[in-house]
N, C-alpha and C. Protein backbone atom coordinates (compact mmCIF):
# COMPACT_ATOMS: atom_id res chain seq x y z
N MET A 1 109.67 137.51 56.38
CA MET A 1 108.87 137.10 55.24
C MET A 1 107.49 136.66 55.73
N ILE A 2 106.49 137.13 55.05
CA ILE A 2 105.13 136.74 55.36
C ILE A 2 104.68 135.73 54.32
N ILE A 3 104.32 134.54 54.78
CA ILE A 3 103.93 133.46 53.87
C ILE A 3 102.81 133.88 52.94
N GLU A 4 101.85 134.68 53.44
CA GLU A 4 100.72 135.10 52.61
C GLU A 4 101.15 135.86 51.36
N ASN A 5 102.38 136.38 51.35
CA ASN A 5 102.89 137.10 50.18
C ASN A 5 103.22 136.15 49.02
N ILE A 6 103.44 134.88 49.33
CA ILE A 6 103.83 133.93 48.28
C ILE A 6 102.87 132.74 48.16
N LEU A 7 102.00 132.58 49.13
CA LEU A 7 101.10 131.43 49.16
C LEU A 7 99.65 131.90 49.23
N THR A 8 98.78 131.22 48.50
CA THR A 8 97.35 131.53 48.55
C THR A 8 96.61 130.29 49.05
N PRO A 9 95.38 130.47 49.53
CA PRO A 9 94.59 129.30 49.91
C PRO A 9 94.40 128.34 48.74
N GLU A 10 94.30 128.87 47.53
CA GLU A 10 94.11 128.03 46.34
C GLU A 10 95.34 127.19 46.02
N ARG A 11 96.50 127.63 46.46
CA ARG A 11 97.73 126.88 46.24
C ARG A 11 98.16 126.14 47.49
N THR A 12 97.19 125.79 48.32
CA THR A 12 97.41 124.98 49.51
C THR A 12 96.48 123.78 49.40
N ARG A 13 97.05 122.59 49.41
CA ARG A 13 96.26 121.38 49.20
C ARG A 13 96.55 120.36 50.29
N CYS A 14 95.49 119.74 50.76
CA CYS A 14 95.57 118.73 51.82
C CYS A 14 95.22 117.36 51.24
N SER A 15 95.82 116.32 51.77
CA SER A 15 95.53 114.93 51.38
C SER A 15 95.76 114.68 49.89
N VAL A 16 96.91 115.11 49.41
CA VAL A 16 97.27 114.94 48.01
C VAL A 16 97.96 113.59 47.84
N HIS A 17 97.58 112.88 46.79
CA HIS A 17 98.19 111.59 46.52
C HIS A 17 99.41 111.77 45.63
N GLY A 18 100.51 111.22 46.08
CA GLY A 18 101.74 111.25 45.29
C GLY A 18 102.44 109.91 45.43
N THR A 19 102.99 109.40 44.34
CA THR A 19 103.60 108.08 44.39
C THR A 19 105.12 108.11 44.38
N SER A 20 105.69 109.23 43.93
CA SER A 20 107.15 109.34 43.86
C SER A 20 107.54 110.81 43.86
N LYS A 21 108.80 111.04 44.11
CA LYS A 21 109.33 112.40 44.07
C LYS A 21 109.09 113.03 42.71
N LYS A 22 109.36 112.30 41.64
CA LYS A 22 109.19 112.82 40.29
C LYS A 22 107.73 113.18 40.02
N LYS A 23 106.80 112.32 40.43
CA LYS A 23 105.37 112.58 40.22
C LYS A 23 104.93 113.80 41.02
N ILE A 24 105.47 113.96 42.22
CA ILE A 24 105.12 115.12 43.04
C ILE A 24 105.62 116.39 42.38
N LEU A 25 106.84 116.39 41.87
CA LEU A 25 107.38 117.58 41.19
C LEU A 25 106.58 117.91 39.94
N GLU A 26 106.14 116.88 39.23
CA GLU A 26 105.30 117.10 38.05
C GLU A 26 103.95 117.71 38.46
N MET A 27 103.39 117.19 39.54
CA MET A 27 102.12 117.71 40.05
C MET A 27 102.29 119.17 40.50
N VAL A 28 103.37 119.46 41.20
CA VAL A 28 103.65 120.82 41.65
C VAL A 28 103.70 121.77 40.44
N ALA A 29 104.43 121.37 39.41
CA ALA A 29 104.55 122.20 38.20
C ALA A 29 103.18 122.44 37.57
N ASN A 30 102.37 121.41 37.49
CA ASN A 30 101.04 121.55 36.89
C ASN A 30 100.13 122.44 37.73
N LEU A 31 100.15 122.26 39.04
CA LEU A 31 99.30 123.06 39.92
C LEU A 31 99.69 124.54 39.89
N ILE A 32 100.99 124.81 39.90
CA ILE A 32 101.44 126.20 39.83
C ILE A 32 101.07 126.81 38.48
N SER A 33 101.28 126.05 37.42
CA SER A 33 100.94 126.54 36.08
C SER A 33 99.43 126.81 35.95
N ASP A 34 98.63 125.98 36.58
CA ASP A 34 97.17 126.20 36.55
C ASP A 34 96.80 127.52 37.22
N GLU A 35 97.49 127.86 38.29
CA GLU A 35 97.21 129.09 39.04
C GLU A 35 97.91 130.31 38.43
N VAL A 36 99.05 130.09 37.81
CA VAL A 36 99.83 131.17 37.20
C VAL A 36 100.12 130.77 35.75
N PRO A 37 99.16 131.00 34.85
CA PRO A 37 99.28 130.51 33.47
C PRO A 37 100.50 130.97 32.70
N ALA A 38 101.12 132.06 33.10
CA ALA A 38 102.34 132.52 32.41
C ALA A 38 103.49 131.53 32.59
N ILE A 39 103.42 130.72 33.63
CA ILE A 39 104.48 129.74 33.90
C ILE A 39 104.10 128.43 33.21
N ASP A 40 104.96 127.99 32.31
CA ASP A 40 104.73 126.75 31.58
C ASP A 40 105.06 125.55 32.47
N ALA A 41 104.13 124.63 32.58
CA ALA A 41 104.28 123.47 33.46
C ALA A 41 105.50 122.62 33.09
N LYS A 42 105.72 122.40 31.81
CA LYS A 42 106.85 121.55 31.38
C LYS A 42 108.18 122.21 31.70
N ASP A 43 108.28 123.51 31.45
CA ASP A 43 109.52 124.23 31.78
C ASP A 43 109.77 124.22 33.28
N LEU A 44 108.71 124.44 34.05
CA LEU A 44 108.85 124.44 35.50
C LEU A 44 109.26 123.07 36.01
N PHE A 45 108.64 122.03 35.51
CA PHE A 45 108.99 120.67 35.90
C PHE A 45 110.47 120.41 35.61
N SER A 46 110.93 120.79 34.42
CA SER A 46 112.34 120.60 34.07
C SER A 46 113.26 121.34 35.03
N SER A 47 112.88 122.56 35.40
CA SER A 47 113.70 123.34 36.34
C SER A 47 113.73 122.70 37.72
N LEU A 48 112.59 122.20 38.17
CA LEU A 48 112.54 121.55 39.48
C LEU A 48 113.38 120.27 39.49
N ILE A 49 113.30 119.49 38.42
CA ILE A 49 114.11 118.27 38.31
C ILE A 49 115.59 118.61 38.27
N PHE A 50 115.95 119.63 37.49
CA PHE A 50 117.35 120.06 37.41
C PHE A 50 117.86 120.44 38.79
N ARG A 51 117.06 121.20 39.54
CA ARG A 51 117.48 121.62 40.89
C ARG A 51 117.66 120.42 41.80
N GLU A 52 116.77 119.43 41.71
CA GLU A 52 116.89 118.23 42.55
C GLU A 52 118.16 117.45 42.24
N ARG A 53 118.58 117.50 41.00
CA ARG A 53 119.82 116.79 40.63
C ARG A 53 121.05 117.41 41.28
N LEU A 54 120.95 118.69 41.63
CA LEU A 54 122.06 119.37 42.31
C LEU A 54 122.18 118.93 43.75
N GLY A 55 121.09 118.43 44.31
CA GLY A 55 121.04 117.98 45.70
C GLY A 55 119.60 117.99 46.16
N THR A 56 119.28 117.09 47.03
CA THR A 56 117.90 116.96 47.47
C THR A 56 117.39 118.22 48.16
N THR A 57 116.11 118.48 47.99
CA THR A 57 115.45 119.57 48.71
C THR A 57 114.65 119.01 49.88
N GLY A 58 114.82 117.72 50.14
CA GLY A 58 114.21 117.10 51.31
C GLY A 58 115.04 117.45 52.54
N LEU A 59 114.49 118.33 53.38
CA LEU A 59 115.24 118.85 54.53
C LEU A 59 115.37 117.86 55.66
N GLY A 60 114.42 116.94 55.75
CA GLY A 60 114.35 116.03 56.88
C GLY A 60 113.08 116.31 57.66
N ARG A 61 112.77 115.41 58.60
CA ARG A 61 111.57 115.54 59.44
C ARG A 61 110.28 115.53 58.61
N GLY A 62 110.34 114.92 57.41
CA GLY A 62 109.16 114.81 56.57
C GLY A 62 108.85 116.04 55.74
N VAL A 63 109.82 116.96 55.62
CA VAL A 63 109.60 118.23 54.93
C VAL A 63 110.53 118.35 53.72
N ALA A 64 109.97 118.83 52.61
CA ALA A 64 110.77 119.15 51.43
C ALA A 64 110.38 120.53 50.94
N ILE A 65 111.38 121.25 50.41
CA ILE A 65 111.13 122.57 49.82
C ILE A 65 111.74 122.58 48.42
N PRO A 66 111.08 121.92 47.47
CA PRO A 66 111.59 122.01 46.09
C PRO A 66 111.47 123.46 45.61
N HIS A 67 112.48 123.91 44.91
CA HIS A 67 112.49 125.32 44.50
C HIS A 67 113.33 125.51 43.25
N CYS A 68 113.04 126.61 42.56
CA CYS A 68 113.83 126.97 41.39
C CYS A 68 113.51 128.40 41.00
N ARG A 69 114.32 128.91 40.09
CA ARG A 69 114.04 130.21 39.48
C ARG A 69 113.44 129.94 38.10
N ASN A 70 112.60 130.88 37.65
CA ASN A 70 111.91 130.69 36.39
C ASN A 70 111.74 132.04 35.70
N LYS A 71 112.09 132.10 34.41
CA LYS A 71 112.05 133.36 33.68
C LYS A 71 110.63 133.90 33.50
N ALA A 72 109.62 133.05 33.51
CA ALA A 72 108.23 133.50 33.33
C ALA A 72 107.57 133.92 34.65
N CYS A 73 108.23 133.65 35.73
CA CYS A 73 107.69 133.99 37.05
C CYS A 73 107.95 135.48 37.33
N VAL A 74 106.90 136.21 37.69
CA VAL A 74 107.06 137.64 37.93
C VAL A 74 107.16 138.00 39.41
N GLU A 75 106.73 137.08 40.29
CA GLU A 75 106.86 137.30 41.73
C GLU A 75 107.00 135.96 42.42
N PRO A 76 107.65 135.91 43.57
CA PRO A 76 107.79 134.64 44.27
C PRO A 76 106.42 133.97 44.47
N THR A 77 106.38 132.68 44.14
CA THR A 77 105.13 131.94 44.16
C THR A 77 105.34 130.62 44.89
N GLY A 78 104.46 130.37 45.87
CA GLY A 78 104.55 129.14 46.64
C GLY A 78 103.35 128.24 46.42
N LEU A 79 103.57 126.96 46.68
CA LEU A 79 102.53 125.95 46.67
C LEU A 79 102.83 125.03 47.83
N PHE A 80 101.83 124.76 48.65
CA PHE A 80 102.04 123.91 49.82
C PHE A 80 101.08 122.73 49.78
N ILE A 81 101.63 121.53 49.86
CA ILE A 81 100.78 120.34 49.86
C ILE A 81 101.15 119.42 51.02
N LYS A 82 100.12 118.80 51.54
CA LYS A 82 100.29 117.73 52.53
C LYS A 82 99.88 116.44 51.84
N LEU A 83 100.80 115.51 51.75
CA LEU A 83 100.54 114.25 51.08
C LEU A 83 99.71 113.32 51.96
N ASP A 84 98.89 112.49 51.33
CA ASP A 84 98.10 111.54 52.11
C ASP A 84 98.97 110.40 52.65
N GLU A 85 100.07 110.12 51.96
CA GLU A 85 101.04 109.11 52.40
C GLU A 85 102.44 109.65 52.13
N PRO A 86 103.36 109.49 53.07
CA PRO A 86 104.73 109.96 52.85
C PRO A 86 105.39 109.26 51.65
N VAL A 87 106.29 109.99 50.99
CA VAL A 87 106.98 109.52 49.79
C VAL A 87 108.48 109.72 49.97
N ASP A 88 109.26 108.80 49.45
CA ASP A 88 110.72 108.94 49.50
C ASP A 88 111.12 110.16 48.66
N PHE A 89 111.85 111.07 49.30
CA PHE A 89 112.30 112.30 48.64
C PHE A 89 113.82 112.40 48.70
N GLU A 90 114.47 111.29 49.08
CA GLU A 90 115.92 111.27 49.24
C GLU A 90 116.36 112.35 50.24
N SER A 91 115.59 112.49 51.30
CA SER A 91 115.85 113.53 52.30
C SER A 91 117.16 113.31 53.03
N LEU A 92 117.65 114.38 53.61
CA LEU A 92 118.92 114.34 54.33
C LEU A 92 118.91 113.33 55.46
N ASP A 93 117.73 113.13 56.10
CA ASP A 93 117.63 112.16 57.20
C ASP A 93 117.10 110.81 56.74
N ASN A 94 116.95 110.63 55.44
CA ASN A 94 116.44 109.38 54.84
C ASN A 94 115.02 109.03 55.23
N LYS A 95 114.27 109.99 55.77
CA LYS A 95 112.87 109.75 56.13
C LYS A 95 111.98 110.26 55.00
N PRO A 96 110.84 109.58 54.78
CA PRO A 96 109.94 110.03 53.71
C PRO A 96 109.30 111.38 54.03
N VAL A 97 108.82 112.02 52.98
CA VAL A 97 108.27 113.38 53.06
C VAL A 97 106.76 113.35 52.94
N ASP A 98 106.09 114.14 53.78
CA ASP A 98 104.64 114.30 53.65
C ASP A 98 104.22 115.76 53.55
N LEU A 99 105.15 116.68 53.77
CA LEU A 99 104.88 118.12 53.67
C LEU A 99 105.82 118.72 52.62
N VAL A 100 105.23 119.30 51.58
CA VAL A 100 106.01 119.83 50.47
C VAL A 100 105.64 121.29 50.24
N PHE A 101 106.60 122.17 50.41
CA PHE A 101 106.40 123.59 50.11
C PHE A 101 107.27 123.92 48.91
N ALA A 102 106.64 124.08 47.75
CA ALA A 102 107.37 124.40 46.53
C ALA A 102 107.46 125.92 46.37
N LEU A 103 108.58 126.37 45.86
CA LEU A 103 108.82 127.80 45.68
C LEU A 103 109.41 128.05 44.30
N VAL A 104 108.81 129.01 43.60
CA VAL A 104 109.31 129.46 42.30
C VAL A 104 109.50 130.96 42.40
N VAL A 105 110.68 131.42 41.99
CA VAL A 105 110.96 132.86 42.05
C VAL A 105 111.44 133.33 40.68
N PRO A 106 111.31 134.65 40.43
CA PRO A 106 111.83 135.18 39.16
C PRO A 106 113.31 134.88 39.01
N GLU A 107 113.73 134.72 37.78
CA GLU A 107 115.10 134.31 37.48
C GLU A 107 116.16 135.21 38.11
N GLU A 108 115.90 136.51 38.16
CA GLU A 108 116.91 137.45 38.65
C GLU A 108 116.90 137.65 40.17
N ASN A 109 115.99 137.02 40.88
CA ASN A 109 115.82 137.25 42.32
C ASN A 109 116.67 136.31 43.18
N THR A 110 117.94 136.27 42.96
CA THR A 110 118.81 135.35 43.68
C THR A 110 118.78 135.56 45.19
N GLN A 111 118.98 136.78 45.66
CA GLN A 111 119.02 137.02 47.10
C GLN A 111 117.65 136.81 47.74
N GLU A 112 116.60 137.30 47.09
CA GLU A 112 115.25 137.09 47.64
C GLU A 112 114.93 135.61 47.72
N HIS A 113 115.35 134.84 46.72
CA HIS A 113 115.17 133.39 46.70
C HIS A 113 115.81 132.77 47.94
N LEU A 114 117.04 133.15 48.21
CA LEU A 114 117.75 132.61 49.37
C LEU A 114 117.11 133.05 50.68
N ASP A 115 116.66 134.30 50.75
CA ASP A 115 116.01 134.80 51.96
C ASP A 115 114.71 134.06 52.25
N ILE A 116 113.91 133.81 51.21
CA ILE A 116 112.65 133.09 51.39
C ILE A 116 112.93 131.66 51.82
N LEU A 117 113.89 131.00 51.18
CA LEU A 117 114.22 129.63 51.56
C LEU A 117 114.66 129.53 53.02
N LYS A 118 115.46 130.49 53.44
CA LYS A 118 115.94 130.50 54.82
C LYS A 118 114.77 130.66 55.79
N ALA A 119 113.85 131.58 55.47
CA ALA A 119 112.69 131.80 56.34
C ALA A 119 111.77 130.58 56.37
N LEU A 120 111.56 129.97 55.21
CA LEU A 120 110.73 128.76 55.16
C LEU A 120 111.35 127.63 55.97
N ALA A 121 112.63 127.40 55.76
CA ALA A 121 113.32 126.33 56.47
C ALA A 121 113.25 126.56 57.98
N SER A 122 113.39 127.80 58.39
CA SER A 122 113.31 128.14 59.81
C SER A 122 111.91 127.85 60.36
N ARG A 123 110.90 128.30 59.64
CA ARG A 123 109.52 128.09 60.07
C ARG A 123 109.18 126.60 60.15
N LEU A 124 109.66 125.85 59.19
CA LEU A 124 109.32 124.43 59.11
C LEU A 124 110.17 123.56 60.03
N GLN A 125 110.86 124.18 60.97
CA GLN A 125 111.59 123.44 62.00
C GLN A 125 110.80 123.33 63.30
N SER A 126 109.70 124.05 63.38
CA SER A 126 108.89 124.07 64.59
C SER A 126 108.13 122.75 64.76
N ASP A 127 108.43 122.04 65.84
CA ASP A 127 107.74 120.78 66.11
C ASP A 127 106.23 120.98 66.23
N SER A 128 105.83 122.05 66.91
CA SER A 128 104.39 122.26 67.09
C SER A 128 103.71 122.59 65.77
N LEU A 129 104.37 123.35 64.89
CA LEU A 129 103.78 123.65 63.59
C LEU A 129 103.68 122.38 62.75
N LEU A 130 104.73 121.60 62.72
CA LEU A 130 104.70 120.35 61.94
C LEU A 130 103.57 119.45 62.43
N HIS A 131 103.41 119.36 63.73
CA HIS A 131 102.34 118.53 64.29
C HIS A 131 100.97 119.06 63.85
N LYS A 132 100.76 120.36 63.98
CA LYS A 132 99.47 120.95 63.61
C LYS A 132 99.17 120.76 62.12
N MET A 133 100.19 120.90 61.28
CA MET A 133 99.97 120.72 59.84
C MET A 133 99.62 119.27 59.54
N ARG A 134 100.26 118.36 60.22
CA ARG A 134 99.96 116.94 59.97
C ARG A 134 98.58 116.55 60.49
N GLU A 135 98.07 117.30 61.45
CA GLU A 135 96.73 117.06 61.98
C GLU A 135 95.64 117.73 61.14
N ALA A 136 96.01 118.69 60.31
CA ALA A 136 95.03 119.43 59.49
C ALA A 136 94.30 118.44 58.59
N ASN A 137 92.97 118.57 58.54
CA ASN A 137 92.19 117.61 57.75
C ASN A 137 91.56 118.24 56.51
N ASN A 138 91.90 119.51 56.22
CA ASN A 138 91.43 120.13 54.99
C ASN A 138 92.39 121.25 54.60
N SER A 139 92.26 121.71 53.38
CA SER A 139 93.20 122.71 52.84
C SER A 139 93.14 124.04 53.59
N THR A 140 91.95 124.44 54.03
CA THR A 140 91.83 125.70 54.77
C THR A 140 92.58 125.62 56.09
N ALA A 141 92.41 124.52 56.80
CA ALA A 141 93.12 124.34 58.07
C ALA A 141 94.63 124.31 57.85
N LEU A 142 95.06 123.67 56.78
CA LEU A 142 96.49 123.61 56.47
C LEU A 142 97.04 125.00 56.17
N TYR A 143 96.31 125.77 55.37
CA TYR A 143 96.72 127.15 55.06
C TYR A 143 96.80 127.99 56.35
N ASN A 144 95.80 127.85 57.20
CA ASN A 144 95.80 128.61 58.46
C ASN A 144 96.98 128.24 59.35
N CYS A 145 97.39 126.98 59.33
CA CYS A 145 98.56 126.56 60.12
C CYS A 145 99.82 127.24 59.62
N ILE A 146 100.07 127.13 58.32
CA ILE A 146 101.34 127.63 57.77
C ILE A 146 101.44 129.15 57.82
N THR A 147 100.29 129.83 57.85
CA THR A 147 100.30 131.30 57.87
C THR A 147 100.11 131.89 59.27
N ALA A 148 100.00 131.06 60.27
CA ALA A 148 99.75 131.55 61.64
C ALA A 148 100.86 132.49 62.11
N ASP A 149 100.46 133.59 62.74
CA ASP A 149 101.41 134.58 63.21
C ASP A 149 102.49 134.02 64.13
N GLN A 150 102.14 133.08 64.97
CA GLN A 150 103.11 132.57 65.94
C GLN A 150 104.30 131.87 65.31
N TYR A 151 104.19 131.53 64.03
CA TYR A 151 105.30 130.83 63.36
C TYR A 151 106.05 131.71 62.38
N ARG A 152 105.75 133.00 62.37
CA ARG A 152 106.45 133.90 61.43
C ARG A 152 107.94 133.91 61.70
N ALA A 153 108.67 133.86 60.59
CA ALA A 153 110.14 133.87 60.71
C ALA A 153 110.64 135.30 60.63
């Protein structure tokens, strides 16, 4: 999977302020809806909250991958944010999250959804990548980190 297929520089944000998991998911829904107007922010937010109720998407090591399927989504769509301060995401390791990669896929794309999640989770296990992303001081640098060839899954 090539990150550039689902993520754009415009959907990569650095130093984002978030106060809670719920507020971050609401922000994610709004930002994606702003970039992809066919996706309704309220519907997306509801889907993301529903998915979180099934189990946390906080993987650990400060990383979360909130995700869901959406009927208005026509192609896999990602949004990547680096928070200015870590937030409790009920992660598996109980550590707060500062890197959030949200993923929305078309409703019928079950296998592709799983394949993308697996590739993202694999990529976001790299200590050197996590360090570089946390050192990024602007959105362009953050986008360049996550899309770097050396971290392709």
